Amino acid sequence: MELAAGSFSGEQFREACAELQQPALAGADWQLLVETSGISIYRLLDQKTGLYEYKVFGVLEDCSPTLLADVYMDLDYRKQWDQYVKALYEQECNGQTVVYWEVKYPFPMSNRDYVYLRQRRDLDVEGRKIHVVLAQSTSVPQLVERSGVIRVKQYKQSLAIESDGKKGSKVFMYYFDNPGGQIPSWLINWAAKVCWSLLEVHSRPCLPGYHQWRLHNSKDCCLFLPLEALPRGAPTRCQLELSCMKCLLTSAGRCLPVQRHRGQGPT
């Protein structure tokens, strides 16, 4: 399941968009696994591995599509909230950007690592703005396998996000992951079920603080972010002396000053 050098095809992006409009569950033995908090999770048995492919459909309320896509793509921010990340970074290899990701596994199991390509496109489909992210495992000579860490060679993920017409996001996600090694397939599938069931619960805590984190860590002189990025109840103007100005460009075209002073971050 490794992806050869090059980018994803336009057809792959269109397929992810199509699942938002009409879930492709017919013609295969997709089983409804769980429904929780507006999220439906389906699975399909992969006969070769004994593992399952997963499809997730649903709505995340109060999470805008752009914010959700930005958080998903920001590897540095993931390291702030994902306790299982051992290493996570992008690297240029043979003219393309690949992601290296090492995941902590509990003792006595070995850590797993991934090398994969990913690409995001923001598409206009018949007037609908859809954010699509595709990812798939690959191999490059610059990132060789290391002793004591098991390389995951079968990994594939698709994500499509659009507005639900209100303040939330309509989401489709496809996922398959074969961690290899001697882990029983029933344990892998059980863990996946639990993780997917907590999808909404885990996604919410990291969203409100994302743009404050970006303001604190941005090296840019001026950072433009939508007003929705501000946490609810947060002041739009700092009362202390401004030593560094950043602008939050609102939909109305207003700029709201946010303070950074003595390295303490925005207030």
Protein backbone atom coordinates (compact mmCIF):
# COMPACT_ATOMS: atom_id res chain seq x y z
CA MET A 1 0.00 0.00 0.00
CA GLU A 2 2.99 2.30 -0.34
CA LEU A 3 2.57 5.29 -2.62
CA ALA A 4 5.14 5.76 -5.32
CA ALA A 5 6.93 9.06 -5.77
CA GLY A 6 4.61 11.81 -6.95
CA SER A 7 1.42 13.46 -5.84
CA PHE A 8 -2.11 12.16 -5.40
CA SER A 9 -4.42 12.15 -8.40
CA GLY A 10 -7.33 14.47 -8.93
CA GLU A 11 -9.63 11.45 -8.95
CA GLN A 12 -8.58 10.56 -5.39
CA PHE A 13 -9.57 14.03 -4.21
CA ARG A 14 -12.88 13.84 -6.07
CA GLU A 15 -13.66 10.47 -4.48
CA ALA A 16 -13.21 11.92 -0.98
CA CYS A 17 -15.50 14.85 -1.87
CA ALA A 18 -18.13 12.48 -3.24
CA GLU A 19 -18.31 10.58 0.07
CA LEU A 20 -19.47 13.75 1.81
CA GLN A 21 -22.44 13.97 -0.53
CA GLN A 22 -23.19 10.24 -0.79
CA PRO A 23 -21.37 7.69 1.42
CA ALA A 24 -20.02 4.82 -0.69
CA LEU A 25 -21.07 1.85 1.42
CA ALA A 26 -22.92 -0.26 -1.15
CA GLY A 27 -21.33 -3.20 -2.93
CA ALA A 28 -19.19 -4.22 0.04
CA ASP A 29 -19.78 -5.62 3.50
CA TRP A 30 -19.46 -2.35 5.39
CA GLN A 31 -20.82 -2.79 8.91
CA LEU A 32 -22.08 -0.03 11.18
CA LEU A 33 -19.78 -0.22 14.18
CA VAL A 34 -20.96 2.59 16.40
CA GLU A 35 -22.97 5.80 16.41
CA THR A 36 -22.08 8.45 18.96
CA SER A 37 -22.45 12.23 19.26
CA GLY A 38 -23.51 12.64 15.65
CA ILE A 39 -20.71 10.42 14.30
CA SER A 40 -21.30 7.12 12.47
CA ILE A 41 -18.40 4.68 12.13
CA TYR A 42 -18.38 1.83 9.63
CA ARG A 43 -15.84 -0.95 9.16
CA LEU A 44 -14.92 -3.39 6.40
CA LEU A 45 -12.84 -6.52 7.02
CA ASP A 46 -9.60 -6.76 5.05
CA GLN A 47 -9.32 -10.45 4.34
CA LYS A 48 -5.54 -10.43 3.85
CA THR A 49 -4.64 -8.89 7.21
CA GLY A 50 -7.66 -9.65 9.39
CA LEU A 51 -7.83 -5.93 10.16
CA TYR A 52 -10.55 -3.43 9.33
CA GLU A 53 -10.82 -0.42 7.10
CA TYR A 54 -12.86 2.37 8.64
CA LYS A 55 -15.15 5.08 7.31
CA VAL A 56 -16.42 7.88 9.53
CA PHE A 57 -19.31 10.22 8.70
CA GLY A 58 -20.86 12.92 10.81
CA VAL A 59 -21.01 16.51 11.99
CA LEU A 60 -18.79 18.24 14.52
CA GLU A 61 -20.78 21.14 15.90
CA ASP A 62 -19.10 24.48 16.66
CA CYS A 63 -15.96 23.47 14.73
CA SER A 64 -15.52 25.45 11.50
CA PRO A 65 -14.15 23.56 8.46
CA THR A 66 -11.11 25.81 8.07
CA LEU A 67 -10.15 25.56 11.74
CA LEU A 68 -10.57 21.79 11.73
CA ALA A 69 -8.44 21.40 8.60
CA ASP A 70 -5.74 23.73 9.93
CA VAL A 71 -5.48 21.83 13.22
CA TYR A 72 -5.33 18.53 11.38
CA MET A 73 -2.45 19.74 9.19
CA ASP A 74 -0.37 21.39 11.92
CA LEU A 75 2.21 18.82 13.02
CA ASP A 76 3.87 21.11 15.56
CA TYR A 77 0.58 21.69 17.32
CA ARG A 78 -0.19 17.98 17.43
CA LYS A 79 2.95 17.48 19.48
CA GLN A 80 1.43 19.77 22.11
CA TRP A 81 -1.67 17.66 22.76
CA ASP A 82 -0.92 14.11 21.53
CA GLN A 83 0.91 12.29 24.32
CA TYR A 84 1.73 9.35 22.06
CA VAL A 85 3.94 11.31 19.66
CA LYS A 86 7.61 10.40 20.02
CA ALA A 87 8.73 12.26 16.89
CA LEU A 88 6.81 14.08 14.18
CA TYR A 89 8.20 16.29 11.42
CA GLU A 90 8.31 16.99 7.69
CA GLN A 91 11.42 16.39 5.59
CA GLU A 92 12.28 17.12 1.99
CA CYS A 93 13.24 13.91 0.18
CA ASN A 94 13.88 13.65 -3.56
CA GLY A 95 12.00 16.85 -4.28
CA GLN A 96 8.90 15.97 -2.27
CA THR A 97 7.81 16.60 1.30
CA VAL A 98 7.29 13.50 3.43
CA VAL A 99 6.15 13.17 7.02
CA TYR A 100 8.00 11.08 9.61
CA TRP A 101 5.93 10.04 12.63
CA GLU A 102 6.99 7.80 15.52
CA VAL A 103 4.26 6.64 17.88
CA LYS A 104 4.85 5.54 21.46
CA TYR A 105 3.54 2.05 22.26
CA PRO A 106 3.20 0.72 25.81
CA PHE A 107 5.80 -1.70 27.15
CA PRO A 108 6.63 -4.40 26.13
CA MET A 109 5.56 -3.52 22.57
CA SER A 110 7.90 -1.70 20.22
CA ASN A 111 7.18 1.80 19.00
CA ARG A 112 5.84 2.18 15.45
CA ASP A 113 6.94 4.72 12.91
CA TYR A 114 5.43 5.98 9.67
CA VAL A 115 6.82 7.61 6.56
CA TYR A 116 4.05 9.01 4.43
CA LEU A 117 3.03 11.56 1.86
CA ARG A 118 0.17 13.91 2.48
CA GLN A 119 -1.47 16.65 0.47
CA ARG A 120 -4.23 19.17 1.16
CA ARG A 121 -6.43 20.83 -1.40
CA ASP A 122 -9.18 23.38 -0.78
CA LEU A 123 -11.70 22.71 -3.53
CA ASP A 124 -14.79 24.41 -4.91
CA VAL A 125 -17.32 21.73 -5.85
CA GLU A 126 -20.47 23.23 -7.34
CA GLY A 127 -20.24 26.16 -4.93
CA ARG A 128 -19.33 24.02 -1.93
CA LYS A 129 -15.95 24.73 -0.32
CA ILE A 130 -14.41 21.42 0.67
CA HIS A 131 -11.07 20.85 2.41
CA VAL A 132 -9.53 17.51 1.43
CA VAL A 133 -6.43 15.91 2.94
CA LEU A 134 -4.97 12.65 1.60
CA ALA A 135 -2.19 10.64 3.23
CA GLN A 136 -0.54 7.33 2.35
CA SER A 137 2.60 5.48 3.37
CA THR A 138 5.68 5.67 1.17
CA SER A 139 9.37 4.84 1.39
CA VAL A 140 12.41 7.03 0.84
CA PRO A 141 16.11 6.15 1.23
CA GLN A 142 16.69 9.11 3.57
CA LEU A 143 14.41 7.66 6.28
CA VAL A 144 15.50 4.08 6.84
CA GLU A 145 14.02 1.67 9.36
CA ARG A 146 15.62 1.73 12.80
CA SER A 147 16.34 -1.06 15.23
CA GLY A 148 13.72 -1.40 17.94
CA VAL A 149 11.05 0.50 15.98
CA ILE A 150 8.62 -1.25 13.63
CA ARG A 151 7.92 0.55 10.36
CA VAL A 152 4.22 0.75 9.41
CA LYS A 153 4.11 0.10 5.67
CA GLN A 154 0.35 -0.03 5.21
CA TYR A 155 -1.24 3.29 6.13
CA LYS A 156 -3.85 5.24 4.22
CA GLN A 157 -6.14 8.08 5.24
CA SER A 158 -8.57 10.44 3.52
CA LEU A 159 -10.30 13.41 5.11
CA ALA A 160 -12.95 15.70 3.61
CA ILE A 161 -14.51 18.61 5.49
CA GLU A 162 -17.17 21.15 4.56
CA SER A 163 -19.58 23.43 6.37
CA ASP A 164 -22.69 21.87 7.84
CA GLY A 165 -24.58 25.04 6.91
CA LYS A 166 -24.42 26.35 10.45
CA LYS A 167 -21.35 26.77 12.68
CA GLY A 168 -20.05 23.24 12.42
CA SER A 169 -18.34 20.87 10.01
CA LYS A 170 -19.60 17.94 8.01
CA VAL A 171 -16.84 15.34 7.97
CA PHE A 172 -15.86 12.19 6.08
CA MET A 173 -12.79 10.17 6.97
CA TYR A 174 -11.35 6.90 5.65
CA TYR A 175 -8.64 5.10 7.61
CA PHE A 176 -6.57 1.92 7.35
CA ASP A 177 -3.50 1.11 9.39
CA ASN A 178 -1.58 -2.15 9.75
CA PRO A 179 0.88 -1.72 12.63
CA GLY A 180 2.55 -5.07 11.98
CA GLY A 181 4.49 -7.03 14.55
CA GLN A 182 2.93 -9.60 16.84
CA ILE A 183 -0.04 -7.58 18.09
CA PRO A 184 -3.23 -9.71 17.89
CA SER A 185 -5.66 -8.39 15.28
CA TRP A 186 -8.52 -8.41 17.80
CA LEU A 187 -6.56 -6.04 20.04
CA ILE A 188 -5.80 -3.67 17.14
CA ASN A 189 -9.44 -3.61 16.06
CA TRP A 190 -10.69 -3.10 19.61
CA ALA A 191 -8.32 -0.17 20.11
CA ALA A 192 -9.43 1.35 16.82
CA LYS A 193 -13.07 1.08 17.86
CA VAL A 194 -12.40 2.85 21.15
CA CYS A 195 -10.38 5.59 19.45
CA TRP A 196 -13.03 6.25 16.84
CA SER A 197 -15.75 6.31 19.48
CA LEU A 198 -13.87 9.13 21.19
CA LEU A 199 -13.21 11.06 18.00
CA GLU A 200 -15.38 14.03 18.85
CA VAL A 201 -14.38 14.09 22.52
CA HIS A 202 -10.67 14.18 21.65
CA SER A 203 -10.96 16.69 18.82
CA ARG A 204 -12.67 19.40 20.84
CA PRO A 205 -10.11 20.16 23.57
CA CYS A 206 -7.30 20.99 21.15
CA LEU A 207 -9.36 23.33 18.94
CA PRO A 208 -10.08 26.33 21.22
CA GLY A 209 -6.42 26.92 22.09
CA TYR A 210 -5.03 26.42 18.61
CA HIS A 211 -4.89 30.01 17.38
CA GLN A 212 -3.56 31.34 20.67
CA TRP A 213 -0.81 28.73 20.36
CA ARG A 214 -0.10 29.91 16.80
CA LEU A 215 0.10 33.51 17.93
CA HIS A 216 2.54 32.56 20.67
CA ASN A 217 4.74 30.44 18.38
CA SER A 218 4.48 32.28 15.08
CA LYS A 219 7.70 33.82 13.75
CA ASP A 220 5.77 36.10 11.44
CA CYS A 221 5.44 39.78 12.22
CA CYS A 222 1.75 39.77 11.38
CA LEU A 223 -0.54 36.75 11.47
CA PHE A 224 -3.97 36.88 9.89
CA LEU A 225 -6.59 34.59 11.38
CA PRO A 226 -10.39 34.60 11.36
CA LEU A 227 -12.26 36.05 14.33
CA GLU A 228 -13.76 32.61 15.02
CA ALA A 229 -10.28 31.61 16.16
CA LEU A 230 -10.69 33.60 19.36
CA PRO A 231 -11.84 31.46 22.30
CA ARG A 232 -15.29 32.36 23.54
CA GLY A 233 -15.13 35.05 26.18
CA ALA A 234 -11.55 36.00 25.35
CA PRO A 235 -10.82 39.77 25.30
CA THR A 236 -10.26 41.20 21.84
CA ARG A 237 -7.81 43.83 23.10
CA CYS A 238 -5.06 43.58 25.66
CA GLN A 239 -5.18 46.20 28.42
CA LEU A 240 -1.41 46.23 28.94
CA GLU A 241 1.15 48.12 26.91
CA LEU A 242 1.42 46.71 23.41
CA SER A 243 4.97 45.75 22.54
CA CYS A 244 4.17 43.63 19.50
CA MET A 245 1.10 43.92 17.30
CA LYS A 246 -0.61 41.08 15.54
CA CYS A 247 -3.84 41.36 13.62
CA LEU A 248 -6.82 39.08 13.59
CA LEU A 249 -8.56 39.88 10.34
CA THR A 250 -12.28 39.47 10.84
CA SER A 251 -14.88 38.81 8.20
CA ALA A 252 -15.91 42.44 8.49
CA GLY A 253 -12.40 43.57 7.64
CA ARG A 254 -11.60 44.83 11.15
CA CYS A 255 -8.19 44.19 12.68
CA LEU A 256 -8.04 43.28 16.33
CA PRO A 257 -4.72 43.87 18.12
CA VAL A 258 -3.35 40.99 20.15
CA GLN A 259 -0.44 41.54 22.50
CA ARG A 260 2.84 39.69 22.77
CA HIS A 261 5.05 41.02 25.53
CA ARG A 262 8.32 39.82 27.10
CA GLY A 263 7.93 36.40 25.48
CA GLN A 264 4.77 35.66 27.46
CA GLY A 265 2.61 35.16 24.40
CA PRO A 266 -0.72 36.76 23.55
CA THR A 267 -3.09 37.94 26.24
